[in-house]
Amino acid sequence: QVQLAESGGGLVQAGGSLRLSCLASGSDFRTSGMAWYRQTPGKQRELVASVAARGSLYYLDAVKGRFTISRDNGKNTVYLQMNSLKPEDTAAYYCNLLWGGNAYWGQGARVTVSS
């Protein structure tokens, strides 16, 4: 059974930084694609950043230059380092794992950026 456990959300002032972590279990992490999505009330969940099993990266234009996704295959963990946070980054952030043709989700980590 694949499980994802997120941590690191919280409240931060604009311009500050947070790092989200997502610990995965139950999959072959090295062959899994990993991603972070975010969602605000009334809006669709959007892809923020992803890192493929072979390392290719994707970033949403709105976060390029501010957010960095990385993975540690030895720790089965994916990270999202968020710098220069803006109030519009406020959202629930979800870890996503793609493996064996299936998608799995974490429970979400709340990020609130105050102005």
C-alpha atoms as a PDB file:
ATOM      1  CA  GLN A   1       0.000   0.000   0.000  1.00  0.00           C
ATOM      2  CA  VAL A   2       1.462   3.317  -1.101  1.00  0.00           C
ATOM      3  CA  GLN A   3       1.420   6.019   1.538  1.00  0.00           C
ATOM      4  CA  LEU A   4       2.632   9.608   1.404  1.00  0.00           C
ATOM      5  CA  ALA A   5       3.268  11.696   4.507  1.00  0.00           C
ATOM      6  CA  GLU A   6       3.746  15.433   4.051  1.00  0.00           C
ATOM      7  CA  SER A   7       5.258  17.817   6.559  1.00  0.00           C
ATOM      8  CA  GLY A   8       6.624  21.332   6.725  1.00  0.00           C
ATOM      9  CA  GLY A   9       3.628  23.538   6.049  1.00  0.00           C
ATOM     10  CA  GLY A  10       2.791  26.538   8.167  1.00  0.00           C
ATOM     11  CA  LEU A  11       2.369  30.288   8.384  1.00  0.00           C
ATOM     12  CA  VAL A  12       5.061  32.610   7.029  1.00  0.00           C
ATOM     13  CA  GLN A  13       5.332  36.262   6.140  1.00  0.00           C
ATOM     14  CA  ALA A  14       5.690  37.350   2.530  1.00  0.00           C
ATOM     15  CA  GLY A  15       9.302  37.035   1.437  1.00  0.00           C
ATOM     16  CA  GLY A  16       9.934  34.136   3.783  1.00  0.00           C
ATOM     17  CA  SER A  17      10.751  30.499   3.114  1.00  0.00           C
ATOM     18  CA  LEU A  18       9.329  27.076   3.874  1.00  0.00           C
ATOM     19  CA  ARG A  19      10.379  23.559   2.962  1.00  0.00           C
ATOM     20  CA  LEU A  20       7.835  20.829   2.400  1.00  0.00           C
ATOM     21  CA  SER A  21       8.803  17.180   2.732  1.00  0.00           C
ATOM     22  CA  CYS A  22       6.980  14.088   1.550  1.00  0.00           C
ATOM     23  CA  LEU A  23       8.008  10.654   2.789  1.00  0.00           C
ATOM     24  CA  ALA A  24       6.826   7.813   0.565  1.00  0.00           C
ATOM     25  CA  SER A  25       6.373   4.158   1.431  1.00  0.00           C
ATOM     26  CA  GLY A  26       4.993   1.121  -0.351  1.00  0.00           C
ATOM     27  CA  SER A  27       6.373   1.867  -3.815  1.00  0.00           C
ATOM     28  CA  ASP A  28       9.661   1.521  -5.651  1.00  0.00           C
ATOM     29  CA  PHE A  29      10.558   5.129  -4.993  1.00  0.00           C
ATOM     30  CA  ARG A  30      13.494   5.166  -7.415  1.00  0.00           C
ATOM     31  CA  THR A  31      11.190   4.422 -10.346  1.00  0.00           C
ATOM     32  CA  SER A  32       8.394   6.737  -9.201  1.00  0.00           C
ATOM     33  CA  GLY A  33       7.648  10.162 -10.585  1.00  0.00           C
ATOM     34  CA  MET A  34       7.127  12.720  -7.827  1.00  0.00           C
ATOM     35  CA  ALA A  35       5.340  16.037  -7.875  1.00  0.00           C
ATOM     36  CA  TRP A  36       3.812  18.786  -5.773  1.00  0.00           C
ATOM     37  CA  TYR A  37       0.385  20.219  -6.521  1.00  0.00           C
ATOM     38  CA  ARG A  38      -1.508  22.992  -4.801  1.00  0.00           C
ATOM     39  CA  GLN A  39      -5.141  23.908  -4.456  1.00  0.00           C
ATOM     40  CA  THR A  40      -7.113  26.862  -3.173  1.00  0.00           C
ATOM     41  CA  PRO A  41     -10.863  26.851  -2.452  1.00  0.00           C
ATOM     42  CA  GLY A  42     -12.959  26.983  -5.606  1.00  0.00           C
ATOM     43  CA  LYS A  43     -10.036  26.313  -7.917  1.00  0.00           C
ATOM     44  CA  GLN A  44      -8.671  23.224  -9.602  1.00  0.00           C
ATOM     45  CA  ARG A  45      -5.575  21.568  -8.238  1.00  0.00           C
ATOM     46  CA  GLU A  46      -2.545  22.771 -10.184  1.00  0.00           C
ATOM     47  CA  LEU A  47       0.845  21.209 -10.778  1.00  0.00           C
ATOM     48  CA  VAL A  48       3.539  23.273  -9.075  1.00  0.00           C
ATOM     49  CA  ALA A  49       6.674  21.202  -9.706  1.00  0.00           C
ATOM     50  CA  SER A  50       7.664  17.672 -10.634  1.00  0.00           C
ATOM     51  CA  VAL A  51      10.767  15.521 -10.751  1.00  0.00           C
ATOM     52  CA  ALA A  52      10.768  12.371 -12.841  1.00  0.00           C
ATOM     53  CA  ALA A  53      12.463   9.140 -11.853  1.00  0.00           C
ATOM     54  CA  ARG A  54      15.317   9.980 -14.218  1.00  0.00           C
ATOM     55  CA  GLY A  55      15.523  13.526 -12.859  1.00  0.00           C
ATOM     56  CA  SER A  56      13.825  15.742 -15.414  1.00  0.00           C
ATOM     57  CA  LEU A  57      12.159  18.757 -13.828  1.00  0.00           C
ATOM     58  CA  TYR A  58       9.077  20.870 -14.391  1.00  0.00           C
ATOM     59  CA  TYR A  59       8.023  24.119 -12.717  1.00  0.00           C
ATOM     60  CA  LEU A  60       4.885  26.190 -12.942  1.00  0.00           C
ATOM     61  CA  ASP A  61       5.829  29.556 -14.449  1.00  0.00           C
ATOM     62  CA  ALA A  62       4.561  31.388 -11.358  1.00  0.00           C
ATOM     63  CA  VAL A  63       7.126  29.646  -9.118  1.00  0.00           C
ATOM     64  CA  LYS A  64      10.166  29.487 -11.398  1.00  0.00           C
ATOM     65  CA  GLY A  65      13.224  30.937  -9.712  1.00  0.00           C
ATOM     66  CA  ARG A  66      11.581  30.757  -6.271  1.00  0.00           C
ATOM     67  CA  PHE A  67      10.747  27.074  -5.702  1.00  0.00           C
ATOM     68  CA  THR A  68      13.042  24.069  -6.001  1.00  0.00           C
ATOM     69  CA  ILE A  69      11.938  20.453  -6.094  1.00  0.00           C
ATOM     70  CA  SER A  70      14.404  17.720  -5.177  1.00  0.00           C
ATOM     71  CA  ARG A  71      14.352  14.064  -4.270  1.00  0.00           C
ATOM     72  CA  ASP A  72      16.457  11.847  -2.033  1.00  0.00           C
ATOM     73  CA  ASN A  73      16.054   8.275  -3.219  1.00  0.00           C
ATOM     74  CA  GLY A  74      17.936   6.973  -0.204  1.00  0.00           C
ATOM     75  CA  LYS A  75      15.325   8.493   2.101  1.00  0.00           C
ATOM     76  CA  ASN A  76      12.262   7.921  -0.129  1.00  0.00           C
ATOM     77  CA  THR A  77      11.575  11.622   0.226  1.00  0.00           C
ATOM     78  CA  VAL A  78      10.765  14.500  -2.093  1.00  0.00           C
ATOM     79  CA  TYR A  79      11.175  18.114  -1.044  1.00  0.00           C
ATOM     80  CA  LEU A  80       9.823  21.452  -2.162  1.00  0.00           C
ATOM     81  CA  GLN A  81      11.952  24.395  -1.078  1.00  0.00           C
ATOM     82  CA  MET A  82       9.870  27.548  -1.332  1.00  0.00           C
ATOM     83  CA  ASN A  83      11.632  30.911  -1.174  1.00  0.00           C
ATOM     84  CA  SER A  84      10.435  34.479  -1.637  1.00  0.00           C
ATOM     85  CA  LEU A  85       6.928  33.362  -0.799  1.00  0.00           C
ATOM     86  CA  LYS A  86       4.014  35.536  -1.872  1.00  0.00           C
ATOM     87  CA  PRO A  87       0.457  35.726  -0.499  1.00  0.00           C
ATOM     88  CA  GLU A  88      -0.757  34.143  -3.742  1.00  0.00           C
ATOM     89  CA  ASP A  89       1.243  31.016  -2.845  1.00  0.00           C
ATOM     90  CA  THR A  90      -1.210  30.388  -0.023  1.00  0.00           C
ATOM     91  CA  ALA A  91      -2.793  26.984  -0.642  1.00  0.00           C
ATOM     92  CA  ALA A  92      -2.978  23.376   0.396  1.00  0.00           C
ATOM     93  CA  TYR A  93       0.032  21.600  -1.093  1.00  0.00           C
ATOM     94  CA  TYR A  94      -0.276  17.939  -2.044  1.00  0.00           C
ATOM     95  CA  CYS A  95       2.457  15.420  -2.702  1.00  0.00           C
ATOM     96  CA  ASN A  96       1.848  13.169  -5.708  1.00  0.00           C
ATOM     97  CA  LEU A  97       3.509   9.893  -6.671  1.00  0.00           C
ATOM     98  CA  LEU A  98       3.207   8.161 -10.049  1.00  0.00           C
ATOM     99  CA  TRP A  99       4.092   4.473 -10.065  1.00  0.00           C
ATOM    100  CA  GLY A 100       2.873   1.410 -11.889  1.00  0.00           C
ATOM    101  CA  GLY A 101       0.386   3.441 -13.897  1.00  0.00           C
ATOM    102  CA  ASN A 102      -1.306   4.782 -10.783  1.00  0.00           C
ATOM    103  CA  ALA A 103      -1.329   8.130  -9.008  1.00  0.00           C
ATOM    104  CA  TYR A 104      -1.211   8.479  -5.250  1.00  0.00           C
ATOM    105  CA  TRP A 105      -1.789  11.536  -3.069  1.00  0.00           C
ATOM    106  CA  GLY A 106      -0.767  12.763   0.326  1.00  0.00           C
ATOM    107  CA  GLN A 107      -3.177  14.308   2.788  1.00  0.00           C
ATOM    108  CA  GLY A 108      -2.043  17.862   2.069  1.00  0.00           C
ATOM    109  CA  ALA A 109       0.041  20.470   3.882  1.00  0.00           C
ATOM    110  CA  ARG A 110      -1.344  23.915   4.483  1.00  0.00           C
ATOM    111  CA  VAL A 111       0.837  26.885   3.507  1.00  0.00           C
ATOM    112  CA  THR A 112      -0.310  30.378   4.476  1.00  0.00           C
ATOM    113  CA  VAL A 113       1.663  33.451   3.421  1.00  0.00           C
ATOM    114  CA  SER A 114       0.694  36.691   5.141  1.00  0.00           C
ATOM    115  CA  SER A 115       1.222  40.084   3.531  1.00  0.00           C
END
